[in-house]
Structures are given as structure tokens and as C-alpha cells.
C-alpha atoms as a PDB file:
ATOM      1  CA  MET A   1       0.433  71.344  65.267  1.00  0.00           C
ATOM      2  CA  ILE A   2      -0.394  73.051  68.393  1.00  0.00           C
ATOM      3  CA  MET A   3      -2.125  70.609  71.054  1.00  0.00           C
ATOM      4  CA  THR A   4      -5.561  71.697  72.870  1.00  0.00           C
ATOM      5  CA  PRO A   5      -5.891  71.096  76.336  1.00  0.00           C
ATOM      6  CA  PHE A   6      -7.941  68.568  75.619  1.00  0.00           C
ATOM      7  CA  LYS A   7      -5.735  66.400  73.389  1.00  0.00           C
ATOM      8  CA  LYS A   8      -3.294  67.004  75.855  1.00  0.00           C
ATOM      9  CA  LEU A   9      -6.256  65.451  78.360  1.00  0.00           C
ATOM     10  CA  ILE A  10      -6.887  62.403  75.581  1.00  0.00           C
ATOM     11  CA  ILE A  11      -3.363  61.707  75.173  1.00  0.00           C
ATOM     12  CA  LEU A  12      -2.088  61.472  78.878  1.00  0.00           C
ATOM     13  CA  SER A  13      -5.726  59.241  80.088  1.00  0.00           C
ATOM     14  CA  SER A  14      -5.131  56.928  76.785  1.00  0.00           C
ATOM     15  CA  LEU A  15      -1.243  56.536  78.626  1.00  0.00           C
ATOM     16  CA  GLY A  16      -2.580  56.010  82.180  1.00  0.00           C
ATOM     17  CA  THR A  17      -4.453  53.987  81.209  1.00  0.00           C
ATOM     18  CA  PHE A  18      -1.994  51.431  79.135  1.00  0.00           C
ATOM     19  CA  VAL A  19       0.827  52.343  82.299  1.00  0.00           C
ATOM     20  CA  GLY A  20      -2.023  51.056  84.859  1.00  0.00           C
ATOM     21  CA  MET A  21      -3.035  48.026  82.881  1.00  0.00           C
ATOM     22  CA  ILE A  22       0.308  46.766  81.886  1.00  0.00           C
ATOM     23  CA  ALA A  23       1.224  47.466  86.113  1.00  0.00           C
ATOM     24  CA  LEU A  24      -1.738  45.700  86.791  1.00  0.00           C
ATOM     25  CA  LEU A  25      -1.180  42.537  84.445  1.00  0.00           C
ATOM     26  CA  MET A  26       2.438  43.106  86.135  1.00  0.00           C
ATOM     27  CA  HIS A  27       1.035  42.485  89.299  1.00  0.00           C
ATOM     28  CA  ILE A  28      -1.815  39.401  88.449  1.00  0.00           C
ATOM     29  CA  SER A  29       0.884  37.226  86.922  1.00  0.00           C
ATOM     30  CA  ASN A  30       3.650  37.943  89.924  1.00  0.00           C
ATOM     31  CA  VAL A  31       6.261  38.884  87.423  1.00  0.00           C
ATOM     32  CA  PHE A  32       9.483  39.885  89.098  1.00  0.00           C
ATOM     33  CA  SER A  33       8.398  36.779  91.372  1.00  0.00           C
ATOM     34  CA  TYR A  34       9.764  34.811  88.247  1.00  0.00           C
ATOM     35  CA  LEU A  35      13.140  36.726  88.466  1.00  0.00           C
ATOM     36  CA  SER A  36      14.278  34.333  91.642  1.00  0.00           C
ATOM     37  CA  ASP A  37      14.973  30.815  92.121  1.00  0.00           C
ATOM     38  CA  ASN A  38      11.871  29.570  94.529  1.00  0.00           C
ATOM     39  CA  PRO A  39      10.189  26.818  93.343  1.00  0.00           C
ATOM     40  CA  LYS A  40       7.245  28.294  94.608  1.00  0.00           C
ATOM     41  CA  THR A  41       7.358  30.228  91.579  1.00  0.00           C
ATOM     42  CA  CYS A  42       6.003  27.680  89.535  1.00  0.00           C
ATOM     43  CA  MET A  43       2.966  27.263  91.312  1.00  0.00           C
ATOM     44  CA  ASN A  44       2.207  30.732  89.966  1.00  0.00           C
ATOM     45  CA  CYS A  45       0.621  28.464  87.544  1.00  0.00           C
ATOM     46  CA  HIS A  46      -2.059  25.950  88.831  1.00  0.00           C
ATOM     47  CA  ILE A  47      -1.167  23.383  86.620  1.00  0.00           C
ATOM     48  CA  MET A  48       2.103  23.029  88.386  1.00  0.00           C
ATOM     49  CA  GLY A  49       0.399  21.619  91.044  1.00  0.00           C
ATOM     50  CA  THR A  50       1.584  18.007  90.424  1.00  0.00           C
ATOM     51  CA  GLU A  51       4.701  18.729  89.175  1.00  0.00           C
ATOM     52  CA  TYR A  52       5.415  20.784  92.610  1.00  0.00           C
ATOM     53  CA  ALA A  53       3.789  18.596  94.616  1.00  0.00           C
ATOM     54  CA  THR A  54       5.846  15.842  93.504  1.00  0.00           C
ATOM     55  CA  TRP A  55       9.294  17.377  93.270  1.00  0.00           C
ATOM     56  CA  HIS A  56       8.477  18.342  97.184  1.00  0.00           C
ATOM     57  CA  HIS A  57       8.484  14.962  98.469  1.00  0.00           C
ATOM     58  CA  SER A  58      11.606  14.335  96.558  1.00  0.00           C
ATOM     59  CA  SER A  59      15.412  13.721  97.578  1.00  0.00           C
ATOM     60  CA  HIS A  60      16.011  16.053  94.759  1.00  0.00           C
ATOM     61  CA  ARG A  61      13.859  19.328  97.249  1.00  0.00           C
ATOM     62  CA  GLU A  62      16.560  19.364  99.539  1.00  0.00           C
ATOM     63  CA  ASN A  63      19.346  20.362  96.631  1.00  0.00           C
ATOM     64  CA  ALA A  64      17.658  21.003  93.702  1.00  0.00           C
ATOM     65  CA  SER A  65      14.965  23.360  92.965  1.00  0.00           C
ATOM     66  CA  CYS A  66      13.445  23.836  89.606  1.00  0.00           C
ATOM     67  CA  ASN A  67      15.432  25.818  87.946  1.00  0.00           C
ATOM     68  CA  ASP A  68      18.418  24.094  89.235  1.00  0.00           C
ATOM     69  CA  CYS A  69      17.238  21.233  86.422  1.00  0.00           C
ATOM     70  CA  HIS A  70      15.255  22.859  83.603  1.00  0.00           C
ATOM     71  CA  VAL A  71      17.086  25.517  82.987  1.00  0.00           C
ATOM     72  CA  PRO A  72      20.490  25.450  81.613  1.00  0.00           C
ATOM     73  CA  GLN A  73      23.144  26.646  84.324  1.00  0.00           C
ATOM     74  CA  ASP A  74      26.432  26.992  81.550  1.00  0.00           C
ATOM     75  CA  ASN A  75      26.288  30.806  82.026  1.00  0.00           C
ATOM     76  CA  ILE A  76      23.906  33.439  83.165  1.00  0.00           C
ATOM     77  CA  ILE A  77      23.009  34.865  79.404  1.00  0.00           C
ATOM     78  CA  LYS A  78      22.100  31.130  78.681  1.00  0.00           C
ATOM     79  CA  LYS A  79      20.317  30.844  81.985  1.00  0.00           C
ATOM     80  CA  TRP A  80      17.955  34.036  81.610  1.00  0.00           C
ATOM     81  CA  GLY A  81      17.513  33.425  78.128  1.00  0.00           C
ATOM     82  CA  PHE A  82      16.081  30.162  78.408  1.00  0.00           C
ATOM     83  CA  LYS A  83      13.915  31.466  81.426  1.00  0.00           C
ATOM     84  CA  ALA A  84      12.399  34.516  79.265  1.00  0.00           C
ATOM     85  CA  MET A  85      11.639  32.639  75.904  1.00  0.00           C
ATOM     86  CA  ASP A  86      10.137  29.385  78.178  1.00  0.00           C
ATOM     87  CA  GLY A  87       8.153  31.671  80.927  1.00  0.00           C
ATOM     88  CA  LEU A  88       6.782  33.511  77.924  1.00  0.00           C
ATOM     89  CA  ARG A  89       5.794  30.438  76.057  1.00  0.00           C
ATOM     90  CA  HIS A  90       4.777  29.251  79.448  1.00  0.00           C
ATOM     91  CA  SER A  91       2.214  32.399  80.105  1.00  0.00           C
ATOM     92  CA  THR A  92       1.077  32.564  76.398  1.00  0.00           C
ATOM     93  CA  VAL A  93       0.087  29.099  76.752  1.00  0.00           C
ATOM     94  CA  PHE A  94      -1.641  29.637  80.280  1.00  0.00           C
ATOM     95  CA  THR A  95      -3.487  32.976  79.196  1.00  0.00           C
ATOM     96  CA  LEU A  96      -4.849  31.369  76.155  1.00  0.00           C
ATOM     97  CA  ARG A  97      -5.982  28.250  78.712  1.00  0.00           C
ATOM     98  CA  ALA A  98      -4.651  26.153  76.284  1.00  0.00           C
ATOM     99  CA  GLU A  99      -2.098  23.514  78.910  1.00  0.00           C
ATOM    100  CA  PRO A 100      -2.862  19.785  78.439  1.00  0.00           C
ATOM    101  CA  SER A 101      -3.683  18.208  81.439  1.00  0.00           C
ATOM    102  CA  ALA A 102      -0.393  16.230  81.440  1.00  0.00           C
ATOM    103  CA  ILE A 103       2.656  17.969  80.931  1.00  0.00           C
ATOM    104  CA  LYS A 104       5.624  17.435  78.778  1.00  0.00           C
ATOM    105  CA  ILE A 105       8.650  18.499  78.669  1.00  0.00           C
ATOM    106  CA  LYS A 106       9.966  20.234  75.279  1.00  0.00           C
ATOM    107  CA  ASP A 107      12.871  19.323  73.390  1.00  0.00           C
ATOM    108  CA  ALA A 108      15.040  22.579  74.856  1.00  0.00           C
ATOM    109  CA  GLY A 109      14.074  20.910  78.244  1.00  0.00           C
ATOM    110  CA  LYS A 110      15.168  17.586  77.838  1.00  0.00           C
ATOM    111  CA  LYS A 111      18.126  19.214  76.586  1.00  0.00           C
ATOM    112  CA  ALA A 112      18.699  21.585  80.049  1.00  0.00           C
ATOM    113  CA  VAL A 113      17.755  18.596  81.949  1.00  0.00           C
ATOM    114  CA  GLN A 114      19.907  16.212  80.868  1.00  0.00           C
ATOM    115  CA  GLU A 115      23.029  18.644  80.689  1.00  0.00           C
ATOM    116  CA  ASN A 116      21.779  19.839  84.406  1.00  0.00           C
ATOM    117  CA  CYS A 117      21.639  16.193  85.478  1.00  0.00           C
ATOM    118  CA  ILE A 118      25.390  15.243  84.162  1.00  0.00           C
ATOM    119  CA  ARG A 119      26.566  18.762  86.006  1.00  0.00           C
ATOM    120  CA  CYS A 120      25.236  17.841  89.248  1.00  0.00           C
ATOM    121  CA  HIS A 121      25.862  14.304  89.389  1.00  0.00           C
ATOM    122  CA  SER A 122      29.312  13.651  87.652  1.00  0.00           C
ATOM    123  CA  PRO A 123      31.025  13.484  91.003  1.00  0.00           C
ATOM    124  CA  LEU A 124      29.260  10.224  90.902  1.00  0.00           C
ATOM    125  CA  PHE A 125      31.128   8.955  87.999  1.00  0.00           C
ATOM    126  CA  LEU A 126      34.163  10.423  89.104  1.00  0.00           C
ATOM    127  CA  ALA A 127      33.731   8.834  92.317  1.00  0.00           C
ATOM    128  CA  GLN A 128      33.381   5.123  90.755  1.00  0.00           C
ATOM    129  CA  GLU A 129      36.005   5.269  87.833  1.00  0.00           C
ATOM    130  CA  SER A 130      38.254   6.717  90.473  1.00  0.00           C
ATOM    131  CA  SER A 131      37.772   3.474  92.689  1.00  0.00           C
ATOM    132  CA  MET A 132      38.312   1.583  89.724  1.00  0.00           C
ATOM    133  CA  GLN A 133      34.629  -0.578  90.523  1.00  0.00           C
ATOM    134  CA  ILE A 134      33.593  -1.478  86.989  1.00  0.00           C
ATOM    135  CA  ASN A 135      30.525  -3.183  87.744  1.00  0.00           C
ATOM    136  CA  SER A 136      26.862  -2.274  85.903  1.00  0.00           C
ATOM    137  CA  PHE A 137      26.062   0.974  87.479  1.00  0.00           C
ATOM    138  CA  ASN A 138      29.535   2.377  85.567  1.00  0.00           C
ATOM    139  CA  ILE A 139      29.057   0.506  82.521  1.00  0.00           C
ATOM    140  CA  SER A 140      25.740   2.210  82.322  1.00  0.00           C
ATOM    141  CA  HIS A 141      26.211   5.245  83.208  1.00  0.00           C
ATOM    142  CA  GLN A 142      29.421   5.528  80.169  1.00  0.00           C
ATOM    143  CA  SER A 143      26.496   4.475  77.919  1.00  0.00           C
ATOM    144  CA  ASN A 144      24.959   7.763  78.021  1.00  0.00           C
ATOM    145  CA  GLU A 145      27.716   9.729  75.646  1.00  0.00           C
ATOM    146  CA  GLU A 146      25.576   7.677  72.920  1.00  0.00           C
ATOM    147  CA  GLY A 147      22.552   9.623  73.411  1.00  0.00           C
ATOM    148  CA  ARG A 148      20.271   7.850  76.375  1.00  0.00           C
ATOM    149  CA  THR A 149      19.000  10.173  78.758  1.00  0.00           C
ATOM    150  CA  CYS A 150      19.464   9.530  82.521  1.00  0.00           C
ATOM    151  CA  TRP A 151      15.507   9.403  82.647  1.00  0.00           C
ATOM    152  CA  GLU A 152      15.567   6.404  80.768  1.00  0.00           C
ATOM    153  CA  CYS A 153      16.673   4.542  83.564  1.00  0.00           C
ATOM    154  CA  HIS A 154      15.442   7.054  86.253  1.00  0.00           C
ATOM    155  CA  GLN A 155      12.082   7.801  85.147  1.00  0.00           C
ATOM    156  CA  GLU A 156      10.080   8.374  88.448  1.00  0.00           C
ATOM    157  CA  THR A 157      13.291  10.763  89.745  1.00  0.00           C
ATOM    158  CA  PRO A 158      11.962  12.781  91.208  1.00  0.00           C
ATOM    159  CA  HIS A 159       8.827  13.571  89.929  1.00  0.00           C
ATOM    160  CA  GLY A 160       7.779   9.839  90.712  1.00  0.00           C
ATOM    161  CA  THR A 161       4.909   8.555  88.217  1.00  0.00           C
ATOM    162  CA  ILE A 162       2.728  10.379  88.442  1.00  0.00           C
ATOM    163  CA  ARG A 163       1.849  12.698  85.010  1.00  0.00           C
ATOM    164  CA  SER A 164      -2.046  14.606  84.857  1.00  0.00           C
ATOM    165  CA  ILE A 165      -3.574  17.172  87.392  1.00  0.00           C
ATOM    166  CA  SER A 166      -6.282  14.527  88.139  1.00  0.00           C
ATOM    167  CA  SER A 167      -3.010  11.804  89.546  1.00  0.00           C
ATOM    168  CA  THR A 168      -2.877  14.313  92.499  1.00  0.00           C
ATOM    169  CA  PRO A 169      -6.517  16.463  93.481  1.00  0.00           C
ATOM    170  CA  PHE A 170      -5.160  16.983  96.905  1.00  0.00           C
ATOM    171  CA  ALA A 171      -1.678  17.771  96.684  1.00  0.00           C
ATOM    172  CA  ARG A 172      -0.530  19.931  99.646  1.00  0.00           C
ATOM    173  CA  VAL A 173       0.829  22.613  97.322  1.00  0.00           C
ATOM    174  CA  PRO A 174       0.877  26.357  98.169  1.00  0.00           C
ATOM    175  CA  VAL A 175      -1.826  28.411  96.961  1.00  0.00           C
ATOM    176  CA  THR A 176      -1.360  31.372  95.371  1.00  0.00           C
ATOM    177  CA  GLY A 177      -2.542  34.831  96.455  1.00  0.00           C
ATOM    178  CA  SER A 178      -5.492  36.692  95.175  1.00  0.00           C
ATOM    179  CA  ALA A 179      -4.725  38.976  91.901  1.00  0.00           C
ATOM    180  CA  VAL A 180      -6.331  42.158  93.578  1.00  0.00           C
ATOM    181  CA  PRO A 181      -3.831  44.287  95.204  1.00  0.00           C
ATOM    182  CA  THR A 182      -4.209  44.015  99.368  1.00  0.00           C
ATOM    183  CA  TRP A 183      -5.508  48.235  99.526  1.00  0.00           C
ATOM    184  CA  LEU A 184      -8.101  47.319  96.468  1.00  0.00           C
ATOM    185  CA  SER A 185      -9.334  44.656  99.127  1.00  0.00           C
ATOM    186  CA  GLU A 186      -8.908  46.306 101.849  1.00  0.00           C
ATOM    187  CA  LEU A 187     -11.339  49.236 100.120  1.00  0.00           C
ATOM    188  CA  MET A 188     -13.697  46.806  99.220  1.00  0.00           C
ATOM    189  CA  LYS A 189     -13.991  45.649 102.456  1.00  0.00           C
ATOM    190  CA  LYS A 190     -15.029  48.809 104.247  1.00  0.00           C
ATOM    191  CA  GLU A 191     -17.544  49.718 101.657  1.00  0.00           C
ATOM    192  CA  GLU A 192     -19.060  46.183 101.971  1.00  0.00           C
ATOM    193  CA  HIS A 193     -19.318  46.905 105.587  1.00  0.00           C
ATOM    194  CA  PRO A 194     -19.309  50.963 106.729  1.00  0.00           C
ATOM    195  CA  ARG A 195     -18.463  51.223 110.297  1.00  0.00           C
END
């Protein structure tokens, strides 16, 4: 099959348009920020403002990021697989504007949070056992093996009692940048105000 220059132009134009749209979508969604553990990444989605604000004012801010609690830390494959699946679900819900007013954690997220609570706080359990202090703190934490979650007792840690966007309408959270690339924004300003 012989390709005419016109057919080549059509194919290259279509391919260039497709690649350009993918690049723009990646820029708008700030896709590379998801490779980090920076809590501000969660602010790419405006609905996370309440969760970010309440975490930012908690004691966990100094020692744990969002990923430290909400993503499995067993091994790198499990961590990145979970981030990919959860991120894809989050981006789909956000793109389709199907996000709920009050976010509820899914079962896989609950499991990850529970495992991470135990992973980070297990030195507290060991310290209690080694000092042979048998008190209500130690006994209640031993019962965790019977299927209870840490947040049954610690339900206000680290996000407090806030459960919806409208609960913190004036929360101070990082503002996401414009979706318009800098070069395009500058070009538009020059055209608006020619010298």
C-alpha cells in the first residue's frame, strides 16, 4: 500500500493531536506529583481539603504523611499497586464529578490503615509488655487481635470529628495551581495587553 503525502499528513496530525491531548491531560491532572509522598498531592482533588486541613492540625503531621497511613507499606510492589488502583479510582470519580460530600474509606483502605497503625505504634505495645504493666491500655490493645480496629477507640485521630466539605468551609489548605501551562498563560497576557 502506497502512502500519499496527504495520508501521511492526516496520520501524523492525528497522532500529534492524540499525543498533545495526553500531554495536556497529564499536565492538568498533575500526574507526576502522585509519584511522591507529599501530602499536598492529595490536594490535587479539591474534595480532600477537609482531610488535609484536619491532618495538618493533628499530631500525625510531624511523623506521617497521607501515604504512611493510607497506603500499604509491606513492600514496594504492594505499595505502588495500591497507589495505582486507588489513584485510578479517585481520578475516575473526580473526573466524572461523582465524589460524595462525606468521604468514606473503602475496605482495602481500612485494611491498609489498620496495618499501618499497628506498624507505627507497635513499639508502644512492646513497651507496655516489657514493663509488665497490665492496665486497661494494654488489655484494650491486646483485644485488637479479635477483629477490632484502632479507630473504634481512636476515632478522632488524626482527622477529628470533621466528616464533610461543608464542615470546614474556610479551612486553610494549599491551593492547586492553574491547569493552564505557564507559557500559555504568559502568551494570553501578552495578547490581552500588547505593548
